[in-house]
Amino acid sequence: MSADRLRARTLDALLAPDSRDRVAASRAVTSARARFVAGEGTDDAVAQVQRLRRTNRLAAIHPLLPPAEDAAGVDATITDAVTAIERLAPVAAGGDYRPEIYLAPEQLGIATDTGRAARALAEVCAAGDEHRVDITLRSGTAPAAEATLDLVESTRERYPRLTASVVARRHRSEGDVARLTATGTRVRLVRGGVGDPASEAWQDPHEADLAFVRCLADLLGSGVHTVVATHEPLLLDLADGLADQSGRGPEGLEYQFFLGAQPELQMRTADAGHRVRVLVPYGPQWLEYLHDLARRPSGMRRLATMLAGRG
C-alpha cells in the first residue's frame, strides 16, 4: 500500500462516528483547527478578513456547511451566506478588490433540485452585488460537474462577476475551460487533490501538473479574470512566467492560498506586488474540512502529520 493511500485511510478512520468526538477534542486537532480554521461563526471569519487586510491580503470566506438535502437545508445556506455578505460589507476592500464568499454547489442542493439551486445562487449573488462582495462557486464532485457548469452559465447572465472553479486534473477540464472562457466567465483554477477515480482524473502527479499548466495557459490567453489556487512552488513559478508572457503583469493574476498554510509564502507573494487572496473557512463542518485539507498533496503533509497525532 502506498504512503498516500495509507495516510488517506488513517485520516478517514479519524472521522469514524465512534472516534469523532475524541479526535475533535484532541490536542493535535485543536491546534490544527486554531491555525487553519477561523472559527465557527461569521464574526470569527470577518475578524480574520480584517487581519488579512492589514497585511495586504484579500480574503474569500468559506462557510463550512453540510450538503443541503432539502429546501430547509438550502434556505439555511442562503441565510448563512447572506448574513456573511452583510457582515463583510463594512470591510470591503474598495475599488475592484472585493472580498468574496466561497460556496459549494452541494450546499445549494444541486444534487436534489437544480432549479432550486439556481434560485438560491441567484439570491446569494444579488446580495453580493448589493454589498460589493463577489461569489465563487466551488467545482463540486465530478458527477455534478456538468450541472455545476450549467448553473454557472445560467446565473452569470444576470450576475457576470460570478466565479467558477475548475479542477485541472479532471480529464474534462480543458474543455470546461474553453466553455467558460468563451462566455468570459471568471475562473478559479485548482490543481485538485485526491478523491476522483482514474476514469475521471489524472492520478499521476506529473500528469496533474501538466493538466494544470495547459488549463492555465488557455485561461491567460483568453484574458478572463483568473485565480490560481495552489501552494505548489513549481506551479506558482510557471504561473508567474505565463502571466508575464501574456502581458498581465503582477496584478493581472490572483493567487489564492489556504488560511494558515505557508503564511511566509503568502506574505512574500503579496509583498512582490501580486494580488493574494486567502481562503478563510469557518463553520460547523470544520473537522471535515481539516480532513480534506490533510488529504491534499505535499503542501498539506504537515497537517496530515498533526491529524494523525504525530506532531
C-alpha atoms as a PDB file:
ATOM      1  CA  MET A   1       0.000   0.000   0.000  1.00  0.00           C
ATOM      2  CA  SER A   2       1.381   3.429  -0.949  1.00  0.00           C
ATOM      3  CA  ALA A   3       2.174   6.033   1.698  1.00  0.00           C
ATOM      4  CA  ASP A   4      -0.518   8.364   0.333  1.00  0.00           C
ATOM      5  CA  ARG A   5      -3.164   5.628   0.437  1.00  0.00           C
ATOM      6  CA  LEU A   6      -2.173   4.626   3.957  1.00  0.00           C
ATOM      7  CA  ARG A   7      -2.335   8.257   5.043  1.00  0.00           C
ATOM      8  CA  ALA A   8      -5.804   8.633   3.493  1.00  0.00           C
ATOM      9  CA  ARG A   9      -7.091   5.506   5.256  1.00  0.00           C
ATOM     10  CA  THR A  10      -5.682   6.709   8.579  1.00  0.00           C
ATOM     11  CA  LEU A  11      -7.365  10.078   8.190  1.00  0.00           C
ATOM     12  CA  ASP A  12     -10.678   8.517   7.156  1.00  0.00           C
ATOM     13  CA  ALA A  13     -10.600   6.434  10.326  1.00  0.00           C
ATOM     14  CA  LEU A  14     -10.301   9.601  12.383  1.00  0.00           C
ATOM     15  CA  LEU A  15     -13.758  10.690  11.134  1.00  0.00           C
ATOM     16  CA  ALA A  16     -15.482   7.455  12.141  1.00  0.00           C
ATOM     17  CA  PRO A  17     -18.574   8.125  14.324  1.00  0.00           C
ATOM     18  CA  ASP A  18     -17.202   6.231  17.307  1.00  0.00           C
ATOM     19  CA  SER A  19     -13.997   8.293  17.378  1.00  0.00           C
ATOM     20  CA  ARG A  20     -15.089  11.681  16.005  1.00  0.00           C
ATOM     21  CA  ASP A  21     -15.683  13.473  19.333  1.00  0.00           C
ATOM     22  CA  ARG A  22     -12.452  12.165  20.826  1.00  0.00           C
ATOM     23  CA  VAL A  23     -10.487  13.208  17.750  1.00  0.00           C
ATOM     24  CA  ALA A  24     -12.074  16.676  17.641  1.00  0.00           C
ATOM     25  CA  ALA A  25     -11.081  17.292  21.277  1.00  0.00           C
ATOM     26  CA  SER A  26      -7.514  16.034  20.892  1.00  0.00           C
ATOM     27  CA  ARG A  27      -4.602  18.388  21.319  1.00  0.00           C
ATOM     28  CA  ALA A  28      -3.313  17.879  17.759  1.00  0.00           C
ATOM     29  CA  VAL A  29      -6.663  18.606  16.121  1.00  0.00           C
ATOM     30  CA  THR A  30      -7.368  21.565  18.407  1.00  0.00           C
ATOM     31  CA  SER A  31      -4.027  23.050  17.366  1.00  0.00           C
ATOM     32  CA  ALA A  32      -4.731  22.424  13.676  1.00  0.00           C
ATOM     33  CA  ARG A  33      -8.176  23.982  13.980  1.00  0.00           C
ATOM     34  CA  ALA A  34      -6.769  27.139  15.547  1.00  0.00           C
ATOM     35  CA  ARG A  35      -4.311  27.513  12.682  1.00  0.00           C
ATOM     36  CA  PHE A  36      -6.360  26.516   9.628  1.00  0.00           C
ATOM     37  CA  VAL A  37      -9.957  27.474  10.536  1.00  0.00           C
ATOM     38  CA  ALA A  38     -11.172  30.946  11.511  1.00  0.00           C
ATOM     39  CA  GLY A  39     -13.807  29.617  13.934  1.00  0.00           C
ATOM     40  CA  GLU A  40     -17.431  28.518  13.909  1.00  0.00           C
ATOM     41  CA  GLY A  41     -19.173  31.876  13.475  1.00  0.00           C
ATOM     42  CA  THR A  42     -19.394  34.569  10.835  1.00  0.00           C
ATOM     43  CA  ASP A  43     -17.895  37.146  13.188  1.00  0.00           C
ATOM     44  CA  ASP A  44     -14.782  34.974  13.523  1.00  0.00           C
ATOM     45  CA  ALA A  45     -14.374  34.921   9.740  1.00  0.00           C
ATOM     46  CA  VAL A  46     -14.912  38.664   9.359  1.00  0.00           C
ATOM     47  CA  ALA A  47     -12.339  39.372  12.078  1.00  0.00           C
ATOM     48  CA  GLN A  48      -9.851  37.219  10.158  1.00  0.00           C
ATOM     49  CA  VAL A  49     -10.626  39.166   6.962  1.00  0.00           C
ATOM     50  CA  GLN A  50      -9.778  42.390   8.769  1.00  0.00           C
ATOM     51  CA  ARG A  51      -6.477  40.966   9.990  1.00  0.00           C
ATOM     52  CA  LEU A  52      -5.560  39.855   6.485  1.00  0.00           C
ATOM     53  CA  ARG A  53      -6.294  43.279   5.042  1.00  0.00           C
ATOM     54  CA  ARG A  54      -3.754  44.793   7.426  1.00  0.00           C
ATOM     55  CA  THR A  55      -1.095  42.615   5.755  1.00  0.00           C
ATOM     56  CA  ASN A  56      -2.141  43.495   2.198  1.00  0.00           C
ATOM     57  CA  ARG A  57      -4.013  40.238   1.626  1.00  0.00           C
ATOM     58  CA  LEU A  58      -7.589  39.819   0.423  1.00  0.00           C
ATOM     59  CA  ALA A  59      -9.967  37.122   1.602  1.00  0.00           C
ATOM     60  CA  ALA A  60     -12.585  34.676   0.399  1.00  0.00           C
ATOM     61  CA  ILE A  61     -14.622  33.397   3.328  1.00  0.00           C
ATOM     62  CA  HIS A  62     -15.847  29.816   3.091  1.00  0.00           C
ATOM     63  CA  PRO A  63     -18.791  28.715   5.254  1.00  0.00           C
ATOM     64  CA  LEU A  64     -18.295  25.069   6.183  1.00  0.00           C
ATOM     65  CA  LEU A  65     -21.880  23.868   5.930  1.00  0.00           C
ATOM     66  CA  PRO A  66     -23.269  20.378   5.268  1.00  0.00           C
ATOM     67  CA  PRO A  67     -24.729  19.497   1.864  1.00  0.00           C
ATOM     68  CA  ALA A  68     -28.320  20.661   1.525  1.00  0.00           C
ATOM     69  CA  GLU A  69     -30.632  17.685   1.148  1.00  0.00           C
ATOM     70  CA  ASP A  70     -33.950  19.559   1.105  1.00  0.00           C
ATOM     71  CA  ALA A  71     -35.483  23.034   0.890  1.00  0.00           C
ATOM     72  CA  ALA A  72     -34.758  23.743   4.549  1.00  0.00           C
ATOM     73  CA  GLY A  73     -31.080  22.967   4.030  1.00  0.00           C
ATOM     74  CA  VAL A  74     -30.896  25.297   1.022  1.00  0.00           C
ATOM     75  CA  ASP A  75     -32.630  28.049   2.988  1.00  0.00           C
ATOM     76  CA  ALA A  76     -30.063  27.619   5.777  1.00  0.00           C
ATOM     77  CA  THR A  77     -27.231  28.043   3.264  1.00  0.00           C
ATOM     78  CA  ILE A  78     -28.836  31.197   1.843  1.00  0.00           C
ATOM     79  CA  THR A  79     -29.316  32.663   5.315  1.00  0.00           C
ATOM     80  CA  ASP A  80     -25.729  31.970   6.332  1.00  0.00           C
ATOM     81  CA  ALA A  81     -24.313  33.313   3.059  1.00  0.00           C
ATOM     82  CA  VAL A  82     -26.393  36.493   3.015  1.00  0.00           C
ATOM     83  CA  THR A  83     -25.584  37.171   6.665  1.00  0.00           C
ATOM     84  CA  ALA A  84     -21.878  36.757   5.908  1.00  0.00           C
ATOM     85  CA  ILE A  85     -22.137  39.098   2.923  1.00  0.00           C
ATOM     86  CA  GLU A  86     -23.824  41.767   5.017  1.00  0.00           C
ATOM     87  CA  ARG A  87     -21.144  41.457   7.706  1.00  0.00           C
ATOM     88  CA  LEU A  88     -18.404  41.720   5.076  1.00  0.00           C
ATOM     89  CA  ALA A  89     -19.786  44.902   3.522  1.00  0.00           C
ATOM     90  CA  PRO A  90     -18.159  47.332   6.009  1.00  0.00           C
ATOM     91  CA  VAL A  91     -14.716  45.767   5.429  1.00  0.00           C
ATOM     92  CA  ALA A  92     -14.934  45.663   1.625  1.00  0.00           C
ATOM     93  CA  ALA A  93     -11.560  46.430   0.098  1.00  0.00           C
ATOM     94  CA  GLY A  94     -12.867  49.101  -2.268  1.00  0.00           C
ATOM     95  CA  GLY A  95     -12.262  49.554  -5.977  1.00  0.00           C
ATOM     96  CA  ASP A  96     -12.164  46.250  -7.838  1.00  0.00           C
ATOM     97  CA  TYR A  97     -10.631  44.333  -4.931  1.00  0.00           C
ATOM     98  CA  ARG A  98     -13.762  42.989  -3.293  1.00  0.00           C
ATOM     99  CA  PRO A  99     -13.993  40.386  -0.549  1.00  0.00           C
ATOM    100  CA  GLU A 100     -15.548  37.089  -1.609  1.00  0.00           C
ATOM    101  CA  ILE A 101     -17.685  34.279  -0.304  1.00  0.00           C
ATOM    102  CA  TYR A 102     -16.972  30.754  -1.485  1.00  0.00           C
ATOM    103  CA  LEU A 103     -19.817  28.212  -1.750  1.00  0.00           C
ATOM    104  CA  ALA A 104     -20.029  24.577  -2.815  1.00  0.00           C
ATOM    105  CA  PRO A 105     -22.812  23.501  -5.204  1.00  0.00           C
ATOM    106  CA  GLU A 106     -23.749  20.755  -2.732  1.00  0.00           C
ATOM    107  CA  GLN A 107     -24.573  23.445  -0.178  1.00  0.00           C
ATOM    108  CA  LEU A 108     -27.146  24.774  -2.660  1.00  0.00           C
ATOM    109  CA  GLY A 109     -28.761  21.362  -3.089  1.00  0.00           C
ATOM    110  CA  ILE A 110     -27.631  20.801  -6.670  1.00  0.00           C
ATOM    111  CA  ALA A 111     -27.841  17.020  -6.243  1.00  0.00           C
ATOM    112  CA  THR A 112     -31.567  17.082  -5.459  1.00  0.00           C
ATOM    113  CA  ASP A 113     -33.068  20.083  -7.288  1.00  0.00           C
ATOM    114  CA  THR A 114     -31.082  22.070  -9.858  1.00  0.00           C
ATOM    115  CA  GLY A 115     -33.826  24.654 -10.251  1.00  0.00           C
ATOM    116  CA  ARG A 116     -33.849  25.369  -6.536  1.00  0.00           C
ATOM    117  CA  ALA A 117     -30.046  25.533  -6.550  1.00  0.00           C
ATOM    118  CA  ALA A 118     -30.188  28.131  -9.334  1.00  0.00           C
ATOM    119  CA  ARG A 119     -32.678  30.257  -7.411  1.00  0.00           C
ATOM    120  CA  ALA A 120     -30.540  30.007  -4.268  1.00  0.00           C
ATOM    121  CA  LEU A 121     -27.357  31.015  -6.076  1.00  0.00           C
ATOM    122  CA  ALA A 122     -29.133  33.950  -7.717  1.00  0.00           C
ATOM    123  CA  GLU A 123     -30.343  35.147  -4.307  1.00  0.00           C
ATOM    124  CA  VAL A 124     -26.825  34.999  -2.882  1.00  0.00           C
ATOM    125  CA  CYS A 125     -25.387  36.760  -5.953  1.00  0.00           C
ATOM    126  CA  ALA A 126     -27.997  39.519  -5.642  1.00  0.00           C
ATOM    127  CA  ALA A 127     -26.925  40.138  -2.047  1.00  0.00           C
ATOM    128  CA  GLY A 128     -23.307  40.109  -3.161  1.00  0.00           C
ATOM    129  CA  ASP A 129     -23.957  42.714  -5.850  1.00  0.00           C
ATOM    130  CA  GLU A 130     -25.740  44.929  -3.352  1.00  0.00           C
ATOM    131  CA  HIS A 131     -22.873  44.828  -0.846  1.00  0.00           C
ATOM    132  CA  ARG A 132     -19.903  44.616  -3.254  1.00  0.00           C
ATOM    133  CA  VAL A 133     -18.991  41.058  -2.277  1.00  0.00           C
ATOM    134  CA  ASP A 134     -18.131  38.580  -5.044  1.00  0.00           C
ATOM    135  CA  ILE A 135     -19.283  34.949  -5.186  1.00  0.00           C
ATOM    136  CA  THR A 136     -17.144  31.953  -6.142  1.00  0.00           C
ATOM    137  CA  LEU A 137     -18.812  28.595  -6.781  1.00  0.00           C
ATOM    138  CA  ARG A 138     -16.698  25.569  -5.960  1.00  0.00           C
ATOM    139  CA  SER A 139     -16.301  22.850  -8.593  1.00  0.00           C
ATOM    140  CA  GLY A 140     -18.046  20.195  -6.503  1.00  0.00           C
ATOM    141  CA  THR A 141     -17.914  16.467  -7.202  1.00  0.00           C
ATOM    142  CA  ALA A 142     -17.008  15.024 -10.595  1.00  0.00           C
ATOM    143  CA  PRO A 143     -20.521  13.579 -11.202  1.00  0.00           C
ATOM    144  CA  ALA A 144     -22.022  17.051 -10.632  1.00  0.00           C
ATOM    145  CA  ALA A 145     -19.527  18.897 -12.865  1.00  0.00           C
ATOM    146  CA  GLU A 146     -21.868  19.311 -15.839  1.00  0.00           C
ATOM    147  CA  ALA A 147     -24.770  20.503 -13.683  1.00  0.00           C
ATOM    148  CA  THR A 148     -22.455  22.930 -11.917  1.00  0.00           C
ATOM    149  CA  LEU A 149     -21.289  24.459 -15.201  1.00  0.00           C
ATOM    150  CA  ASP A 150     -24.910  24.795 -16.321  1.00  0.00           C
ATOM    151  CA  LEU A 151     -25.682  26.533 -13.032  1.00  0.00           C
ATOM    152  CA  VAL A 152     -22.806  28.979 -13.514  1.00  0.00           C
ATOM    153  CA  GLU A 153     -23.772  29.787 -17.089  1.00  0.00           C
ATOM    154  CA  SER A 154     -27.433  30.438 -16.274  1.00  0.00           C
ATOM    155  CA  THR A 155     -26.628  32.573 -13.221  1.00  0.00           C
ATOM    156  CA  ARG A 156     -23.888  34.749 -14.694  1.00  0.00           C
ATOM    157  CA  GLU A 157     -26.253  36.103 -17.337  1.00  0.00           C
ATOM    158  CA  ARG A 158     -27.563  38.338 -14.539  1.00  0.00           C
ATOM    159  CA  TYR A 159     -24.504  38.264 -12.279  1.00  0.00           C
ATOM    160  CA  PRO A 160     -21.386  38.337 -14.511  1.00  0.00           C
ATOM    161  CA  ARG A 161     -18.928  38.611 -11.585  1.00  0.00           C
ATOM    162  CA  LEU A 162     -19.717  35.029 -10.505  1.00  0.00           C
ATOM    163  CA  THR A 163     -16.517  32.940 -10.493  1.00  0.00           C
ATOM    164  CA  ALA A 164     -16.450  29.239 -11.404  1.00  0.00           C
ATOM    165  CA  SER A 165     -13.895  26.767 -10.039  1.00  0.00           C
ATOM    166  CA  VAL A 166     -12.241  24.197 -12.302  1.00  0.00           C
ATOM    167  CA  VAL A 167     -10.293  21.140 -11.068  1.00  0.00           C
ATOM    168  CA  ALA A 168      -7.409  20.921 -13.541  1.00  0.00           C
ATOM    169  CA  ARG A 169      -6.591  17.243 -13.010  1.00  0.00           C
ATOM    170  CA  ARG A 170     -10.009  16.105 -14.293  1.00  0.00           C
ATOM    171  CA  HIS A 171      -9.943  14.843 -17.873  1.00  0.00           C
ATOM    172  CA  ARG A 172     -12.792  17.135 -18.861  1.00  0.00           C
ATOM    173  CA  SER A 173     -11.277  20.344 -17.528  1.00  0.00           C
ATOM    174  CA  GLU A 174      -9.614  21.677 -20.685  1.00  0.00           C
ATOM    175  CA  GLY A 175     -12.995  21.504 -22.366  1.00  0.00           C
ATOM    176  CA  ASP A 176     -14.618  23.159 -19.364  1.00  0.00           C
ATOM    177  CA  VAL A 177     -12.068  25.983 -19.503  1.00  0.00           C
ATOM    178  CA  ALA A 178     -12.818  26.530 -23.191  1.00  0.00           C
ATOM    179  CA  ARG A 179     -16.544  26.591 -22.442  1.00  0.00           C
ATOM    180  CA  LEU A 180     -16.160  29.123 -19.624  1.00  0.00           C
ATOM    181  CA  THR A 181     -13.706  31.423 -21.404  1.00  0.00           C
ATOM    182  CA  ALA A 182     -15.975  31.550 -24.462  1.00  0.00           C
ATOM    183  CA  THR A 183     -18.528  33.370 -22.314  1.00  0.00           C
ATOM    184  CA  GLY A 184     -15.982  35.480 -20.404  1.00  0.00           C
ATOM    185  CA  THR A 185     -16.616  33.693 -17.111  1.00  0.00           C
ATOM    186  CA  ARG A 186     -14.200  34.384 -14.254  1.00  0.00           C
ATOM    187  CA  VAL A 187     -12.335  31.159 -13.368  1.00  0.00           C
ATOM    188  CA  ARG A 188     -10.606  29.842 -10.259  1.00  0.00           C
ATOM    189  CA  LEU A 189      -8.188  27.063 -11.229  1.00  0.00           C
ATOM    190  CA  VAL A 190      -7.218  24.388  -8.716  1.00  0.00           C
ATOM    191  CA  ARG A 191      -4.834  21.503  -9.328  1.00  0.00           C
ATOM    192  CA  GLY A 192      -7.104  19.156  -7.428  1.00  0.00           C
ATOM    193  CA  GLY A 193      -6.443  16.821  -4.547  1.00  0.00           C
ATOM    194  CA  VAL A 194      -7.191  13.130  -4.226  1.00  0.00           C
ATOM    195  CA  GLY A 195     -10.619  11.554  -4.491  1.00  0.00           C
ATOM    196  CA  ASP A 196     -11.617  11.450  -8.166  1.00  0.00           C
ATOM    197  CA  PRO A 197     -11.250   7.987  -9.776  1.00  0.00           C
ATOM    198  CA  ALA A 198      -8.882   7.243 -12.652  1.00  0.00           C
ATOM    199  CA  SER A 199     -11.823   7.276 -15.048  1.00  0.00           C
ATOM    200  CA  GLU A 200     -12.398  10.948 -14.199  1.00  0.00           C
ATOM    201  CA  ALA A 201      -8.992  12.431 -13.393  1.00  0.00           C
ATOM    202  CA  TRP A 202      -5.237  12.084 -13.794  1.00  0.00           C
ATOM    203  CA  GLN A 203      -3.813  10.095 -10.890  1.00  0.00           C
ATOM    204  CA  ASP A 204      -0.114  10.682 -11.622  1.00  0.00           C
ATOM    205  CA  PRO A 205       1.070  13.979 -10.008  1.00  0.00           C
ATOM    206  CA  HIS A 206       3.140  14.898 -13.064  1.00  0.00           C
ATOM    207  CA  GLU A 207       0.149  14.454 -15.353  1.00  0.00           C
ATOM    208  CA  ALA A 208      -1.933  16.571 -12.965  1.00  0.00           C
ATOM    209  CA  ASP A 209       0.698  19.323 -13.094  1.00  0.00           C
ATOM    210  CA  LEU A 210       0.738  19.261 -16.894  1.00  0.00           C
ATOM    211  CA  ALA A 211      -3.047  19.475 -16.999  1.00  0.00           C
ATOM    212  CA  PHE A 212      -2.918  22.472 -14.657  1.00  0.00           C
ATOM    213  CA  VAL A 213      -0.415  24.269 -16.891  1.00  0.00           C
ATOM    214  CA  ARG A 214      -2.452  23.582 -20.030  1.00  0.00           C
ATOM    215  CA  CYS A 215      -5.606  24.956 -18.429  1.00  0.00           C
ATOM    216  CA  LEU A 216      -3.778  27.980 -17.049  1.00  0.00           C
ATOM    217  CA  ALA A 217      -2.221  28.813 -20.420  1.00  0.00           C
ATOM    218  CA  ASP A 218      -5.667  28.724 -22.016  1.00  0.00           C
ATOM    219  CA  LEU A 219      -7.108  30.958 -19.293  1.00  0.00           C
ATOM    220  CA  LEU A 220      -4.346  33.545 -19.524  1.00  0.00           C
ATOM    221  CA  GLY A 221      -4.560  33.565 -23.302  1.00  0.00           C
ATOM    222  CA  SER A 222      -8.287  34.236 -23.125  1.00  0.00           C
ATOM    223  CA  GLY A 223      -7.988  37.362 -20.984  1.00  0.00           C
ATOM    224  CA  VAL A 224     -10.612  36.290 -18.417  1.00  0.00           C
ATOM    225  CA  HIS A 225     -10.146  37.040 -14.714  1.00  0.00           C
ATOM    226  CA  THR A 226      -8.074  34.111 -13.435  1.00  0.00           C
ATOM    227  CA  VAL A 227      -7.411  32.865  -9.912  1.00  0.00           C
ATOM    228  CA  VAL A 228      -4.590  30.373  -9.314  1.00  0.00           C
ATOM    229  CA  ALA A 229      -5.298  28.271  -6.231  1.00  0.00           C
ATOM    230  CA  THR A 230      -2.203  26.221  -5.406  1.00  0.00           C
ATOM    231  CA  HIS A 231       0.697  26.046  -2.943  1.00  0.00           C
ATOM    232  CA  GLU A 232       2.946  24.061  -5.273  1.00  0.00           C
ATOM    233  CA  PRO A 233       6.162  26.112  -5.836  1.00  0.00           C
ATOM    234  CA  LEU A 234       6.699  24.805  -9.375  1.00  0.00           C
ATOM    235  CA  LEU A 235       3.168  25.720 -10.444  1.00  0.00           C
ATOM    236  CA  LEU A 236       3.463  29.156  -8.865  1.00  0.00           C
ATOM    237  CA  ASP A 237       6.682  29.830 -10.763  1.00  0.00           C
ATOM    238  CA  LEU A 238       5.089  28.655 -14.004  1.00  0.00           C
ATOM    239  CA  ALA A 239       2.060  30.856 -13.347  1.00  0.00           C
ATOM    240  CA  ASP A 240       4.350  33.875 -12.904  1.00  0.00           C
ATOM    241  CA  GLY A 241       6.091  33.119 -16.187  1.00  0.00           C
ATOM    242  CA  LEU A 242       2.873  32.570 -18.125  1.00  0.00           C
ATOM    243  CA  ALA A 243       1.385  35.769 -16.695  1.00  0.00           C
ATOM    244  CA  ASP A 244       4.437  37.735 -17.859  1.00  0.00           C
ATOM    245  CA  GLN A 245       4.216  36.206 -21.313  1.00  0.00           C
ATOM    246  CA  SER A 246       0.543  37.118 -21.553  1.00  0.00           C
ATOM    247  CA  GLY A 247       1.328  40.740 -20.601  1.00  0.00           C
ATOM    248  CA  ARG A 248      -0.796  40.709 -17.467  1.00  0.00           C
ATOM    249  CA  GLY A 249       1.860  41.878 -15.006  1.00  0.00           C
ATOM    250  CA  PRO A 250       1.927  41.262 -11.237  1.00  0.00           C
ATOM    251  CA  GLU A 251      -1.691  42.303 -10.608  1.00  0.00           C
ATOM    252  CA  GLY A 252      -3.088  40.521 -13.649  1.00  0.00           C
ATOM    253  CA  LEU A 253      -3.286  37.186 -11.886  1.00  0.00           C
ATOM    254  CA  GLU A 254      -4.785  36.421  -8.494  1.00  0.00           C
ATOM    255  CA  TYR A 255      -3.214  33.839  -6.198  1.00  0.00           C
ATOM    256  CA  GLN A 256      -5.316  32.035  -3.620  1.00  0.00           C
ATOM    257  CA  PHE A 257      -3.913  30.249  -0.569  1.00  0.00           C
ATOM    258  CA  PHE A 258      -5.325  28.343   2.382  1.00  0.00           C
ATOM    259  CA  LEU A 259      -5.555  30.119   5.722  1.00  0.00           C
ATOM    260  CA  GLY A 260      -2.626  29.055   7.921  1.00  0.00           C
ATOM    261  CA  ALA A 261      -0.731  27.292   5.128  1.00  0.00           C
ATOM    262  CA  GLN A 262       2.709  28.716   4.330  1.00  0.00           C
ATOM    263  CA  PRO A 263       1.960  32.240   5.583  1.00  0.00           C
ATOM    264  CA  GLU A 264       5.511  33.300   4.746  1.00  0.00           C
ATOM    265  CA  LEU A 265       4.884  32.407   1.101  1.00  0.00           C
ATOM    266  CA  GLN A 266       1.647  34.365   1.172  1.00  0.00           C
ATOM    267  CA  MET A 267       3.417  37.442   2.512  1.00  0.00           C
ATOM    268  CA  ARG A 268       6.291  37.215   0.014  1.00  0.00           C
ATOM    269  CA  THR A 269       3.836  36.911  -2.858  1.00  0.00           C
ATOM    270  CA  ALA A 270       1.813  39.909  -1.662  1.00  0.00           C
ATOM    271  CA  ASP A 271       4.931  41.983  -0.995  1.00  0.00           C
ATOM    272  CA  ALA A 272       6.084  41.266  -4.564  1.00  0.00           C
ATOM    273  CA  GLY A 273       3.036  43.133  -5.808  1.00  0.00           C
ATOM    274  CA  HIS A 274       0.797  40.183  -6.633  1.00  0.00           C
ATOM    275  CA  ARG A 275      -2.875  40.053  -5.746  1.00  0.00           C
ATOM    276  CA  VAL A 276      -3.150  37.487  -2.941  1.00  0.00           C
ATOM    277  CA  ARG A 277      -6.419  36.110  -1.590  1.00  0.00           C
ATOM    278  CA  VAL A 278      -6.659  33.781   1.403  1.00  0.00           C
ATOM    279  CA  LEU A 279      -9.436  31.214   1.772  1.00  0.00           C
ATOM    280  CA  VAL A 280     -10.948  31.710   5.251  1.00  0.00           C
ATOM    281  CA  PRO A 281     -13.041  28.693   6.345  1.00  0.00           C
ATOM    282  CA  TYR A 282     -15.469  28.794   9.249  1.00  0.00           C
ATOM    283  CA  GLY A 283     -18.495  26.860  10.458  1.00  0.00           C
ATOM    284  CA  PRO A 284     -19.669  23.555  11.935  1.00  0.00           C
ATOM    285  CA  GLN A 285     -18.084  21.226   9.357  1.00  0.00           C
ATOM    286  CA  TRP A 286     -14.558  22.235  10.331  1.00  0.00           C
ATOM    287  CA  LEU A 287     -13.359  18.702  11.112  1.00  0.00           C
ATOM    288  CA  GLU A 288     -14.387  17.517   7.638  1.00  0.00           C
ATOM    289  CA  TYR A 289     -12.515  20.494   6.195  1.00  0.00           C
ATOM    290  CA  LEU A 290      -9.320  19.585   8.066  1.00  0.00           C
ATOM    291  CA  HIS A 291      -9.702  16.022   6.871  1.00  0.00           C
ATOM    292  CA  ASP A 292      -9.995  17.174   3.253  1.00  0.00           C
ATOM    293  CA  LEU A 293      -7.057  19.533   3.654  1.00  0.00           C
ATOM    294  CA  ALA A 294      -4.875  16.807   5.089  1.00  0.00           C
ATOM    295  CA  ARG A 295      -5.546  14.505   2.132  1.00  0.00           C
ATOM    296  CA  ARG A 296      -4.127  17.017  -0.347  1.00  0.00           C
ATOM    297  CA  PRO A 297      -0.580  16.779  -1.764  1.00  0.00           C
ATOM    298  CA  SER A 298       2.789  17.841  -0.369  1.00  0.00           C
ATOM    299  CA  GLY A 299       1.905  21.297   0.919  1.00  0.00           C
ATOM    300  CA  MET A 300      -0.515  19.790   3.461  1.00  0.00           C
ATOM    301  CA  ARG A 301       1.633  16.940   4.756  1.00  0.00           C
ATOM    302  CA  ARG A 302       2.377  18.825   7.957  1.00  0.00           C
ATOM    303  CA  LEU A 303      -1.342  18.959   8.716  1.00  0.00           C
ATOM    304  CA  ALA A 304      -1.709  15.257   7.933  1.00  0.00           C
ATOM    305  CA  THR A 305       1.000  14.539  10.490  1.00  0.00           C
ATOM    306  CA  MET A 306      -0.798  16.681  13.093  1.00  0.00           C
ATOM    307  CA  LEU A 307      -4.128  14.986  12.497  1.00  0.00           C
ATOM    308  CA  ALA A 308      -2.504  11.556  12.748  1.00  0.00           C
ATOM    309  CA  GLY A 309      -1.235  12.559  16.192  1.00  0.00           C
ATOM    310  CA  ARG A 310       2.461  12.591  15.318  1.00  0.00           C
ATOM    311  CA  GLY A 311       3.185  16.300  15.564  1.00  0.00           C
END
